[in-house]
PDB file of N, CA and C in Angstrom:
ATOM      1  N   UNK A   1      16.880  37.369  35.436  1.00  0.00           N
ATOM      2  CA  UNK A   1      17.819  37.974  34.511  1.00  0.00           C
ATOM      3  C   UNK A   1      18.899  36.971  34.083  1.00  0.00           C
ATOM      4  N   UNK A   2      19.371  36.138  35.007  1.00  0.00           N
ATOM      5  CA  UNK A   2      20.385  35.144  34.684  1.00  0.00           C
ATOM      6  C   UNK A   2      19.837  34.127  33.692  1.00  0.00           C
ATOM      7  N   UNK A   3      18.576  33.756  33.860  1.00  0.00           N
ATOM      8  CA  UNK A   3      17.935  32.809  32.948  1.00  0.00           C
ATOM      9  C   UNK A   3      17.879  33.380  31.523  1.00  0.00           C
ATOM     10  N   UNK A   4      17.610  34.658  31.399  1.00  0.00           N
ATOM     11  CA  UNK A   4      17.562  35.315  30.091  1.00  0.00           C
ATOM     12  C   UNK A   4      18.943  35.319  29.431  1.00  0.00           C
ATOM     13  N   UNK A   5      19.977  35.615  30.193  1.00  0.00           N
ATOM     14  CA  UNK A   5      21.351  35.622  29.652  1.00  0.00           C
ATOM     15  C   UNK A   5      21.746  34.221  29.175  1.00  0.00           C
ATOM     16  N   UNK A   6      21.399  33.217  29.975  1.00  0.00           N
ATOM     17  CA  UNK A   6      21.725  31.839  29.606  1.00  0.00           C
ATOM     18  C   UNK A   6      20.991  31.436  28.322  1.00  0.00           C
ATOM     19  N   UNK A   7      19.741  31.814  28.211  1.00  0.00           N
ATOM     20  CA  UNK A   7      18.962  31.514  27.008  1.00  0.00           C
ATOM     21  C   UNK A   7      19.562  32.199  25.785  1.00  0.00           C
ATOM     22  N   UNK A   8      19.939  33.470  25.922  1.00  0.00           N
ATOM     23  CA  UNK A   8      20.549  34.196  24.800  1.00  0.00           C
ATOM     24  C   UNK A   8      21.886  33.575  24.402  1.00  0.00           C
ATOM     25  N   UNK A   9      22.668  33.158  25.384  1.00  0.00           N
ATOM     26  CA  UNK A   9      23.952  32.522  25.097  1.00  0.00           C
ATOM     27  C   UNK A   9      23.744  31.205  24.355  1.00  0.00           C
ATOM     28  N   UNK A  10      22.780  30.420  24.783  1.00  0.00           N
ATOM     29  CA  UNK A  10      22.471  29.162  24.099  1.00  0.00           C
ATOM     30  C   UNK A  10      22.000  29.398  22.673  1.00  0.00           C
ATOM     31  N   UNK A  11      21.169  30.386  22.458  1.00  0.00           N
ATOM     32  CA  UNK A  11      20.702  30.707  21.102  1.00  0.00           C
ATOM     33  C   UNK A  11      21.858  31.139  20.206  1.00  0.00           C
ATOM     34  N   UNK A  12      22.758  31.942  20.724  1.00  0.00           N
ATOM     35  CA  UNK A  12      23.910  32.391  19.930  1.00  0.00           C
ATOM     36  C   UNK A  12      24.806  31.216  19.574  1.00  0.00           C
ATOM     37  N   UNK A  13      25.061  30.327  20.522  1.00  0.00           N
ATOM     38  CA  UNK A  13      25.912  29.165  20.262  1.00  0.00           C
ATOM     39  C   UNK A  13      25.261  28.233  19.248  1.00  0.00           C
ATOM     40  N   UNK A  14      23.966  27.994  19.377  1.00  0.00           N
ATOM     41  CA  UNK A  14      23.255  27.111  18.460  1.00  0.00           C
ATOM     42  C   UNK A  14      23.223  27.681  17.052  1.00  0.00           C
ATOM     43  N   UNK A  15      22.967  28.957  16.911  1.00  0.00           N
ATOM     44  CA  UNK A  15      22.938  29.544  15.568  1.00  0.00           C
ATOM     45  C   UNK A  15      24.324  29.553  14.951  1.00  0.00           C
ATOM     46  N   UNK A  16      25.361  29.716  15.760  1.00  0.00           N
ATOM     47  CA  UNK A  16      26.730  29.656  15.246  1.00  0.00           C
ATOM     48  C   UNK A  16      27.058  28.278  14.705  1.00  0.00           C
ATOM     49  N   UNK A  17      26.643  27.221  15.416  1.00  0.00           N
ATOM     50  CA  UNK A  17      26.880  25.863  14.937  1.00  0.00           C
ATOM     51  C   UNK A  17      26.078  25.581  13.677  1.00  0.00           C
ATOM     52  N   UNK A  18      24.867  26.064  13.618  1.00  0.00           N
ATOM     53  CA  UNK A  18      24.054  25.861  12.424  1.00  0.00           C
ATOM     54  C   UNK A  18      24.690  26.531  11.214  1.00  0.00           C
ATOM     55  N   UNK A  19      25.256  27.710  11.407  1.00  0.00           N
ATOM     56  CA  UNK A  19      25.914  28.412  10.302  1.00  0.00           C
ATOM     57  C   UNK A  19      27.119  27.630   9.816  1.00  0.00           C
ATOM     58  N   UNK A  20      27.892  27.054  10.729  1.00  0.00           N
ATOM     59  CA  UNK A  20      29.060  26.264  10.343  1.00  0.00           C
ATOM     60  C   UNK A  20      28.644  25.047   9.535  1.00  0.00           C
ATOM     61  N   UNK A  21      27.528  24.450   9.887  1.00  0.00           N
ATOM     62  CA  UNK A  21      27.065  23.263   9.190  1.00  0.00           C
ATOM     63  C   UNK A  21      26.577  23.539   7.781  1.00  0.00           C
ATOM     64  N   UNK A  22      26.194  24.767   7.480  1.00  0.00           N
ATOM     65  CA  UNK A  22      25.663  25.067   6.160  1.00  0.00           C
ATOM     66  C   UNK A  22      26.706  25.667   5.226  1.00  0.00           C
ATOM     67  N   UNK A  23      27.846  26.090   5.743  1.00  0.00           N
ATOM     68  CA  UNK A  23      28.878  26.663   4.883  1.00  0.00           C
ATOM     69  C   UNK A  23      29.617  25.524   4.179  1.00  0.00           C
ATOM     70  N   UNK A  24      29.757  25.612   2.888  1.00  0.00           N
ATOM     71  CA  UNK A  24      30.523  24.618   2.163  1.00  0.00           C
ATOM     72  C   UNK A  24      30.956  25.186   0.835  1.00  0.00           C
ATOM     73  N   UNK A  25      31.973  24.559   0.278  1.00  0.00           N
ATOM     74  CA  UNK A  25      32.433  24.984  -1.030  1.00  0.00           C
ATOM     75  C   UNK A  25      31.558  24.293  -2.084  1.00  0.00           C
ATOM     76  N   UNK A  26      31.548  24.814  -3.304  1.00  0.00           N
ATOM     77  CA  UNK A  26      30.713  24.218  -4.350  1.00  0.00           C
ATOM     78  C   UNK A  26      31.131  22.768  -4.623  1.00  0.00           C
ATOM     79  N   UNK A  27      30.178  21.969  -5.045  1.00  0.00           N
ATOM     80  CA  UNK A  27      30.440  20.574  -5.385  1.00  0.00           C
ATOM     81  C   UNK A  27      31.335  20.512  -6.617  1.00  0.00           C
ATOM     82  N   UNK A  28      32.265  19.554  -6.637  1.00  0.00           N
ATOM     83  CA  UNK A  28      33.152  19.342  -7.771  1.00  0.00           C
ATOM     84  C   UNK A  28      32.324  18.869  -8.962  1.00  0.00           C
ATOM     85  N   UNK A  29      32.544  19.462 -10.122  1.00  0.00           N
ATOM     86  CA  UNK A  29      31.765  19.119 -11.312  1.00  0.00           C
ATOM     87  C   UNK A  29      32.657  18.706 -12.479  1.00  0.00           C
ATOM     88  N   UNK A  30      33.889  18.322 -12.192  1.00  0.00           N
ATOM     89  CA  UNK A  30      34.820  17.950 -13.254  1.00  0.00           C
ATOM     90  C   UNK A  30      34.718  16.488 -13.649  1.00  0.00           C
ATOM     91  N   UNK A  31      35.785  15.973 -14.252  1.00  0.00           N
ATOM     92  CA  UNK A  31      35.748  14.625 -14.814  1.00  0.00           C
ATOM     93  C   UNK A  31      36.547  13.587 -14.038  1.00  0.00           C
ATOM     94  N   UNK A  32      37.203  13.951 -12.934  1.00  0.00           N
ATOM     95  CA  UNK A  32      37.938  12.973 -12.127  1.00  0.00           C
ATOM     96  C   UNK A  32      36.922  12.102 -11.391  1.00  0.00           C
ATOM     97  N   UNK A  33      37.126  10.784 -11.451  1.00  0.00           N
ATOM     98  CA  UNK A  33      36.188   9.862 -10.815  1.00  0.00           C
ATOM     99  C   UNK A  33      36.880   9.037  -9.739  1.00  0.00           C
ATOM    100  N   UNK A  34      36.105   8.636  -8.744  1.00  0.00           N
ATOM    101  CA  UNK A  34      36.611   7.752  -7.694  1.00  0.00           C
ATOM    102  C   UNK A  34      36.593   6.326  -8.207  1.00  0.00           C
ATOM    103  N   UNK A  35      37.588   5.549  -7.823  1.00  0.00           N
ATOM    104  CA  UNK A  35      37.688   4.174  -8.289  1.00  0.00           C
ATOM    105  C   UNK A  35      38.270   3.297  -7.188  1.00  0.00           C
ATOM    106  N   UNK A  36      38.453   2.035  -7.491  1.00  0.00           N
ATOM    107  CA  UNK A  36      39.063   1.064  -6.579  1.00  0.00           C
ATOM    108  C   UNK A  36      40.497   0.795  -7.026  1.00  0.00           C
ATOM    109  N   UNK A  37      41.345   0.435  -6.087  1.00  0.00           N
ATOM    110  CA  UNK A  37      42.755   0.187  -6.385  1.00  0.00           C
ATOM    111  C   UNK A  37      42.936  -0.863  -7.469  1.00  0.00           C
ATOM    112  N   UNK A  38      42.183  -1.932  -7.427  1.00  0.00           N
ATOM    113  CA  UNK A  38      42.326  -3.017  -8.396  1.00  0.00           C
ATOM    114  C   UNK A  38      42.068  -2.609  -9.831  1.00  0.00           C
ATOM    115  N   UNK A  39      41.304  -1.581 -10.036  1.00  0.00           N
ATOM    116  CA  UNK A  39      40.972  -1.125 -11.396  1.00  0.00           C
ATOM    117  C   UNK A  39      42.048  -0.218 -11.984  1.00  0.00           C
ATOM    118  N   UNK A  40      43.092   0.063 -11.251  1.00  0.00           N
ATOM    119  CA  UNK A  40      44.097   1.025 -11.686  1.00  0.00           C
ATOM    120  C   UNK A  40      45.331   0.378 -12.326  1.00  0.00           C
ATOM    121  N   UNK A  41      45.260  -0.899 -12.661  1.00  0.00           N
ATOM    122  CA  UNK A  41      46.413  -1.628 -13.202  1.00  0.00           C
ATOM    123  C   UNK A  41      46.961  -1.008 -14.483  1.00  0.00           C
ATOM    124  N   UNK A  42      46.122  -0.485 -15.361  1.00  0.00           N
ATOM    125  CA  UNK A  42      46.570   0.096 -16.644  1.00  0.00           C
ATOM    126  C   UNK A  42      46.888   1.580 -16.536  1.00  0.00           C
ATOM    127  N   UNK A  43      46.802   2.127 -15.330  1.00  0.00           N
ATOM    128  CA  UNK A  43      46.897   3.574 -15.143  1.00  0.00           C
ATOM    129  C   UNK A  43      48.253   3.985 -14.584  1.00  0.00           C
ATOM    130  N   UNK A  44      48.621   5.227 -14.833  1.00  0.00           N
ATOM    131  CA  UNK A  44      49.866   5.787 -14.317  1.00  0.00           C
ATOM    132  C   UNK A  44      49.593   6.427 -12.952  1.00  0.00           C
ATOM    133  N   UNK A  45      50.338   5.964 -11.950  1.00  0.00           N
ATOM    134  CA  UNK A  45      50.221   6.536 -10.607  1.00  0.00           C
ATOM    135  C   UNK A  45      50.878   7.912 -10.595  1.00  0.00           C
ATOM    136  N   UNK A  46      50.154   8.928 -10.146  1.00  0.00           N
ATOM    137  CA  UNK A  46      50.686  10.293 -10.125  1.00  0.00           C
ATOM    138  C   UNK A  46      51.192  10.700  -8.743  1.00  0.00           C
ATOM    139  N   UNK A  47      50.593  10.186  -7.698  1.00  0.00           N
ATOM    140  CA  UNK A  47      51.035  10.538  -6.347  1.00  0.00           C
ATOM    141  C   UNK A  47      49.870  10.599  -5.370  1.00  0.00           C
ATOM    142  N   UNK A  48      50.211  10.922  -4.130  1.00  0.00           N
ATOM    143  CA  UNK A  48      49.206  11.080  -3.082  1.00  0.00           C
ATOM    144  C   UNK A  48      48.895  12.556  -2.891  1.00  0.00           C
ATOM    145  N   UNK A  49      47.648  12.851  -2.599  1.00  0.00           N
ATOM    146  CA  UNK A  49      47.244  14.193  -2.203  1.00  0.00           C
ATOM    147  C   UNK A  49      46.460  14.055  -0.904  1.00  0.00           C
ATOM    148  N   UNK A  50      46.515  15.078  -0.072  1.00  0.00           N
ATOM    149  CA  UNK A  50      45.784  15.006   1.188  1.00  0.00           C
ATOM    150  C   UNK A  50      45.301  16.391   1.587  1.00  0.00           C
ATOM    151  N   UNK A  51      44.332  16.393   2.481  1.00  0.00           N
ATOM    152  CA  UNK A  51      43.797  17.637   3.001  1.00  0.00           C
ATOM    153  C   UNK A  51      43.220  17.410   4.380  1.00  0.00           C
ATOM    154  N   UNK A  52      43.087  18.483   5.134  1.00  0.00           N
ATOM    155  CA  UNK A  52      42.551  18.412   6.492  1.00  0.00           C
ATOM    156  C   UNK A  52      41.480  19.464   6.688  1.00  0.00           C
ATOM    157  N   UNK A  53      40.607  19.181   7.641  1.00  0.00           N
ATOM    158  CA  UNK A  53      39.534  20.096   8.013  1.00  0.00           C
ATOM    159  C   UNK A  53      39.495  20.190   9.528  1.00  0.00           C
ATOM    160  N   UNK A  54      39.144  21.350  10.035  1.00  0.00           N
ATOM    161  CA  UNK A  54      38.975  21.531  11.474  1.00  0.00           C
ATOM    162  C   UNK A  54      37.687  20.914  11.975  1.00  0.00           C
ATOM    163  N   UNK A  55      36.854  20.390  11.060  1.00  0.00           N
ATOM    164  CA  UNK A  55      35.609  19.750  11.480  1.00  0.00           C
ATOM    165  C   UNK A  55      35.915  18.334  11.934  1.00  0.00           C
ATOM    166  N   UNK A  56      35.509  17.991  13.146  1.00  0.00           N
ATOM    167  CA  UNK A  56      35.745  16.664  13.694  1.00  0.00           C
ATOM    168  C   UNK A  56      34.554  16.269  14.551  1.00  0.00           C
ATOM    169  N   UNK A  57      34.654  15.115  15.168  1.00  0.00           N
ATOM    170  CA  UNK A  57      33.576  14.648  16.026  1.00  0.00           C
ATOM    171  C   UNK A  57      32.279  14.518  15.252  1.00  0.00           C
ATOM    172  N   UNK A  58      31.227  15.163  15.737  1.00  0.00           N
ATOM    173  CA  UNK A  58      29.907  15.132  15.114  1.00  0.00           C
ATOM    174  C   UNK A  58      29.949  15.651  13.670  1.00  0.00           C
ATOM    175  N   UNK A  59      30.872  16.551  13.367  1.00  0.00           N
ATOM    176  CA  UNK A  59      30.959  17.179  12.047  1.00  0.00           C
ATOM    177  C   UNK A  59      32.008  16.526  11.145  1.00  0.00           C
ATOM    178  N   UNK A  60      32.583  15.384  11.546  1.00  0.00           N
ATOM    179  CA  UNK A  60      33.657  14.746  10.779  1.00  0.00           C
ATOM    180  C   UNK A  60      33.213  14.348   9.370  1.00  0.00           C
ATOM    181  N   UNK A  61      31.992  13.837   9.228  1.00  0.00           N
ATOM    182  CA  UNK A  61      31.523  13.447   7.894  1.00  0.00           C
ATOM    183  C   UNK A  61      31.454  14.641   6.957  1.00  0.00           C
ATOM    184  N   UNK A  62      30.984  15.762   7.455  1.00  0.00           N
ATOM    185  CA  UNK A  62      30.934  17.001   6.668  1.00  0.00           C
ATOM    186  C   UNK A  62      32.347  17.440   6.299  1.00  0.00           C
ATOM    187  N   UNK A  63      33.260  17.368   7.272  1.00  0.00           N
ATOM    188  CA  UNK A  63      34.647  17.735   7.009  1.00  0.00           C
ATOM    189  C   UNK A  63      35.269  16.855   5.945  1.00  0.00           C
ATOM    190  N   UNK A  64      35.035  15.535   6.020  1.00  0.00           N
ATOM    191  CA  UNK A  64      35.593  14.602   5.033  1.00  0.00           C
ATOM    192  C   UNK A  64      35.023  14.882   3.646  1.00  0.00           C
ATOM    193  N   UNK A  65      33.729  15.176   3.563  1.00  0.00           N
ATOM    194  CA  UNK A  65      33.124  15.480   2.266  1.00  0.00           C
ATOM    195  C   UNK A  65      33.707  16.765   1.675  1.00  0.00           C
ATOM    196  N   UNK A  66      33.874  17.787   2.496  1.00  0.00           N
ATOM    197  CA  UNK A  66      34.470  19.044   2.018  1.00  0.00           C
ATOM    198  C   UNK A  66      35.891  18.810   1.504  1.00  0.00           C
ATOM    199  N   UNK A  67      36.656  18.004   2.233  1.00  0.00           N
ATOM    200  CA  UNK A  67      38.034  17.713   1.827  1.00  0.00           C
ATOM    201  C   UNK A  67      38.035  16.964   0.493  1.00  0.00           C
ATOM    202  N   UNK A  68      37.168  15.967   0.357  1.00  0.00           N
ATOM    203  CA  UNK A  68      37.107  15.207  -0.901  1.00  0.00           C
ATOM    204  C   UNK A  68      36.809  16.122  -2.084  1.00  0.00           C
ATOM    205  N   UNK A  69      35.903  17.064  -1.912  1.00  0.00           N
ATOM    206  CA  UNK A  69      35.582  17.998  -2.997  1.00  0.00           C
ATOM    207  C   UNK A  69      36.823  18.797  -3.400  1.00  0.00           C
ATOM    208  N   UNK A  70      37.562  19.276  -2.416  1.00  0.00           N
ATOM    209  CA  UNK A  70      38.787  20.040  -2.692  1.00  0.00           C
ATOM    210  C   UNK A  70      39.847  19.145  -3.349  1.00  0.00           C
ATOM    211  N   UNK A  71      39.993  17.912  -2.871  1.00  0.00           N
ATOM    212  CA  UNK A  71      40.995  17.013  -3.440  1.00  0.00           C
ATOM    213  C   UNK A  71      40.646  16.628  -4.871  1.00  0.00           C
ATOM    214  N   UNK A  72      39.375  16.491  -5.191  1.00  0.00           N
ATOM    215  CA  UNK A  72      38.983  16.225  -6.586  1.00  0.00           C
ATOM    216  C   UNK A  72      39.403  17.378  -7.493  1.00  0.00           C
ATOM    217  N   UNK A  73      39.237  18.610  -7.014  1.00  0.00           N
ATOM    218  CA  UNK A  73      39.677  19.770  -7.802  1.00  0.00           C
ATOM    219  C   UNK A  73      41.197  19.749  -7.992  1.00  0.00           C
ATOM    220  N   UNK A  74      41.933  19.449  -6.923  1.00  0.00           N
ATOM    221  CA  UNK A  74      43.395  19.399  -7.013  1.00  0.00           C
ATOM    222  C   UNK A  74      43.846  18.273  -7.936  1.00  0.00           C
ATOM    223  N   UNK A  75      43.182  17.124  -7.888  1.00  0.00           N
ATOM    224  CA  UNK A  75      43.528  16.002  -8.771  1.00  0.00           C
ATOM    225  C   UNK A  75      43.299  16.390 -10.226  1.00  0.00           C
ATOM    226  N   UNK A  76      42.233  17.120 -10.485  1.00  0.00           N
ATOM    227  CA  UNK A  76      41.922  17.583 -11.836  1.00  0.00           C
ATOM    228  C   UNK A  76      43.042  18.483 -12.359  1.00  0.00           C
ATOM    229  N   UNK A  77      43.484  19.421 -11.549  1.00  0.00           N
ATOM    230  CA  UNK A  77      44.570  20.326 -11.934  1.00  0.00           C
ATOM    231  C   UNK A  77      45.859  19.537 -12.186  1.00  0.00           C
ATOM    232  N   UNK A  78      46.053  18.479 -11.417  1.00  0.00           N
ATOM    233  CA  UNK A  78      47.242  17.623 -11.532  1.00  0.00           C
ATOM    234  C   UNK A  78      47.211  16.792 -12.822  1.00  0.00           C
ATOM    235  N   UNK A  79      46.047  16.696 -13.456  1.00  0.00           N
ATOM    236  CA  UNK A  79      45.925  15.900 -14.673  1.00  0.00           C
ATOM    237  C   UNK A  79      45.444  14.483 -14.419  1.00  0.00           C
ATOM    238  N   UNK A  80      44.956  14.220 -13.235  1.00  0.00           N
ATOM    239  CA  UNK A  80      44.460  12.883 -12.894  1.00  0.00           C
ATOM    240  C   UNK A  80      43.106  12.645 -13.548  1.00  0.00           C
ATOM    241  N   UNK A  81      42.821  11.373 -13.787  1.00  0.00           N
ATOM    242  CA  UNK A  81      41.502  10.981 -14.273  1.00  0.00           C
ATOM    243  C   UNK A  81      40.734  10.222 -13.194  1.00  0.00           C
ATOM    244  N   UNK A  82      41.476   9.642 -12.234  1.00  0.00           N
ATOM    245  CA  UNK A  82      40.868   8.826 -11.188  1.00  0.00           C
ATOM    246  C   UNK A  82      41.548   9.078  -9.848  1.00  0.00           C
ATOM    247  N   UNK A  83      40.804   8.894  -8.775  1.00  0.00           N
ATOM    248  CA  UNK A  83      41.354   8.910  -7.427  1.00  0.00           C
ATOM    249  C   UNK A  83      40.897   7.656  -6.699  1.00  0.00           C
ATOM    250  N   UNK A  84      41.735   7.186  -5.796  1.00  0.00           N
ATOM    251  CA  UNK A  84      41.382   6.089  -4.903  1.00  0.00           C
ATOM    252  C   UNK A  84      41.488   6.646  -3.486  1.00  0.00           C
ATOM    253  N   UNK A  85      40.356   6.691  -2.782  1.00  0.00           N
ATOM    254  CA  UNK A  85      40.315   7.282  -1.446  1.00  0.00           C
ATOM    255  C   UNK A  85      40.829   6.320  -0.392  1.00  0.00           C
ATOM    256  N   UNK A  86      41.617   6.848   0.526  1.00  0.00           N
ATOM    257  CA  UNK A  86      41.916   6.137   1.758  1.00  0.00           C
ATOM    258  C   UNK A  86      40.794   6.448   2.737  1.00  0.00           C
ATOM    259  N   UNK A  87      40.684   5.688   3.783  1.00  0.00           N
ATOM    260  CA  UNK A  87      39.661   5.934   4.802  1.00  0.00           C
ATOM    261  C   UNK A  87      39.979   7.246   5.519  1.00  0.00           C
ATOM    262  N   UNK A  88      38.980   8.112   5.729  1.00  0.00           N
ATOM    263  CA  UNK A  88      39.226   9.371   6.441  1.00  0.00           C
ATOM    264  C   UNK A  88      39.710   9.104   7.862  1.00  0.00           C
ATOM    265  N   UNK A  89      40.587   9.960   8.342  1.00  0.00           N
ATOM    266  CA  UNK A  89      41.083   9.879   9.717  1.00  0.00           C
ATOM    267  C   UNK A  89      40.447  11.017  10.501  1.00  0.00           C
ATOM    268  N   UNK A  90      39.463  10.679  11.333  1.00  0.00           N
ATOM    269  CA  UNK A  90      38.760  11.683  12.130  1.00  0.00           C
ATOM    270  C   UNK A  90      39.320  11.659  13.554  1.00  0.00           C
ATOM    271  N   UNK A  91      40.127  12.666  13.867  1.00  0.00           N
ATOM    272  CA  UNK A  91      40.701  12.775  15.199  1.00  0.00           C
ATOM    273  C   UNK A  91      39.855  13.674  16.086  1.00  0.00           C
ATOM    274  N   UNK A  92      40.407  14.056  17.214  1.00  0.00           N
ATOM    275  CA  UNK A  92      39.679  14.908  18.152  1.00  0.00           C
ATOM    276  C   UNK A  92      39.577  16.351  17.679  1.00  0.00           C
ATOM    277  N   UNK A  93      40.565  16.803  16.917  1.00  0.00           N
ATOM    278  CA  UNK A  93      40.577  18.215  16.521  1.00  0.00           C
ATOM    279  C   UNK A  93      40.513  18.439  15.017  1.00  0.00           C
ATOM    280  N   UNK A  94      40.627  17.374  14.225  1.00  0.00           N
ATOM    281  CA  UNK A  94      40.586  17.556  12.774  1.00  0.00           C
ATOM    282  C   UNK A  94      40.223  16.255  12.078  1.00  0.00           C
ATOM    283  N   UNK A  95      39.920  16.381  10.806  1.00  0.00           N
ATOM    284  CA  UNK A  95      39.638  15.236   9.944  1.00  0.00           C
ATOM    285  C   UNK A  95      40.566  15.341   8.745  1.00  0.00           C
ATOM    286  N   UNK A  96      41.217  14.234   8.385  1.00  0.00           N
ATOM    287  CA  UNK A  96      42.164  14.209   7.273  1.00  0.00           C
ATOM    288  C   UNK A  96      41.756  13.144   6.270  1.00  0.00           C
ATOM    289  N   UNK A  97      41.898  13.467   4.983  1.00  0.00           N
ATOM    290  CA  UNK A  97      41.606  12.517   3.911  1.00  0.00           C
ATOM    291  C   UNK A  97      42.822  12.473   2.989  1.00  0.00           C
ATOM    292  N   UNK A  98      43.189  11.260   2.567  1.00  0.00           N
ATOM    293  CA  UNK A  98      44.292  11.050   1.629  1.00  0.00           C
ATOM    294  C   UNK A  98      43.739  10.298   0.424  1.00  0.00           C
ATOM    295  N   UNK A  99      44.228  10.650  -0.761  1.00  0.00           N
ATOM    296  CA  UNK A  99      43.824   9.955  -1.986  1.00  0.00           C
ATOM    297  C   UNK A  99      45.048   9.694  -2.844  1.00  0.00           C
ATOM    298  N   UNK A 100      45.031   8.585  -3.552  1.00  0.00           N
ATOM    299  CA  UNK A 100      46.046   8.289  -4.557  1.00  0.00           C
ATOM    300  C   UNK A 100      45.464   8.740  -5.898  1.00  0.00           C
ATOM    301  N   UNK A 101      46.276   9.429  -6.696  1.00  0.00           N
ATOM    302  CA  UNK A 101      45.792   9.938  -7.976  1.00  0.00           C
ATOM    303  C   UNK A 101      46.416   9.158  -9.129  1.00  0.00           C
ATOM    304  N   UNK A 102      45.621   8.959 -10.188  1.00  0.00           N
ATOM    305  CA  UNK A 102      46.048   8.184 -11.351  1.00  0.00           C
ATOM    306  C   UNK A 102      45.588   8.876 -12.632  1.00  0.00           C
ATOM    307  N   UNK A 103      46.363   8.650 -13.694  1.00  0.00           N
ATOM    308  CA  UNK A 103      45.951   9.062 -15.038  1.00  0.00           C
ATOM    309  C   UNK A 103      45.782   7.777 -15.848  1.00  0.00           C
ATOM    310  N   UNK A 104      44.572   7.542 -16.291  1.00  0.00           N
ATOM    311  CA  UNK A 104      44.258   6.311 -17.025  1.00  0.00           C
ATOM    312  C   UNK A 104      44.061   6.617 -18.506  1.00  0.00           C
ATOM    313  N   UNK A 105      44.442   5.669 -19.379  1.00  0.00           N
ATOM    314  CA  UNK A 105      44.218   5.874 -20.811  1.00  0.00           C
ATOM    315  C   UNK A 105      42.723   5.847 -21.102  1.00  0.00           C
ATOM    316  N   UNK A 106      42.311   6.559 -22.140  1.00  0.00           N
ATOM    317  CA  UNK A 106      40.893   6.533 -22.500  1.00  0.00           C
ATOM    318  C   UNK A 106      40.442   5.126 -22.877  1.00  0.00           C
ATOM    319  N   UNK A 107      39.222   4.824 -22.549  1.00  0.00           N
ATOM    320  CA  UNK A 107      38.648   3.525 -22.916  1.00  0.00           C
ATOM    321  C   UNK A 107      38.191   3.612 -24.356  1.00  0.00           C
ATOM    322  N   UNK A 108      38.670   2.659 -25.166  1.00  0.00           N
ATOM    323  CA  UNK A 108      38.268   2.655 -26.564  1.00  0.00           C
ATOM    324  C   UNK A 108      37.054   1.778 -26.733  1.00  0.00           C
ATOM    325  N   UNK A 109      36.054   2.332 -27.375  1.00  0.00           N
ATOM    326  CA  UNK A 109      34.824   1.572 -27.616  1.00  0.00           C
ATOM    327  C   UNK A 109      35.040   0.585 -28.747  1.00  0.00           C
ATOM    328  N   UNK A 110      34.425  -0.587 -28.589  1.00  0.00           N
ATOM    329  CA  UNK A 110      34.518  -1.611 -29.629  1.00  0.00           C
ATOM    330  C   UNK A 110      33.456  -1.330 -30.699  1.00  0.00           C
ATOM    331  N   UNK A 111      33.826  -1.526 -31.983  1.00  0.00           N
ATOM    332  CA  UNK A 111      32.864  -1.246 -33.074  1.00  0.00           C
ATOM    333  C   UNK A 111      31.718  -2.231 -33.068  1.00  0.00           C
TER     334      UNK A 111
END
């Protein structure tokens, strides 16, 4: 009987972790693009934005991706055209991502 309880507990824990791994917000589909700091010379710096996720350790990459999607949406609302990502900070209990936001002038095509 103890073996059955242990097996059921393991199945419940495993399915709970699997559910957490599949939950995510929709992918960002707007026009804000990621760039490098050096390419932002002609652009107006708007500020830093950041976000955190409770996903850490084995799930830190998923947490960082979820945060980036949310930050892209926030940058879009802010009027940014570009973001420059800082390296994610994956701690023991959370993952944090910071981005610098910029508004760049449109690129004019040459005739």
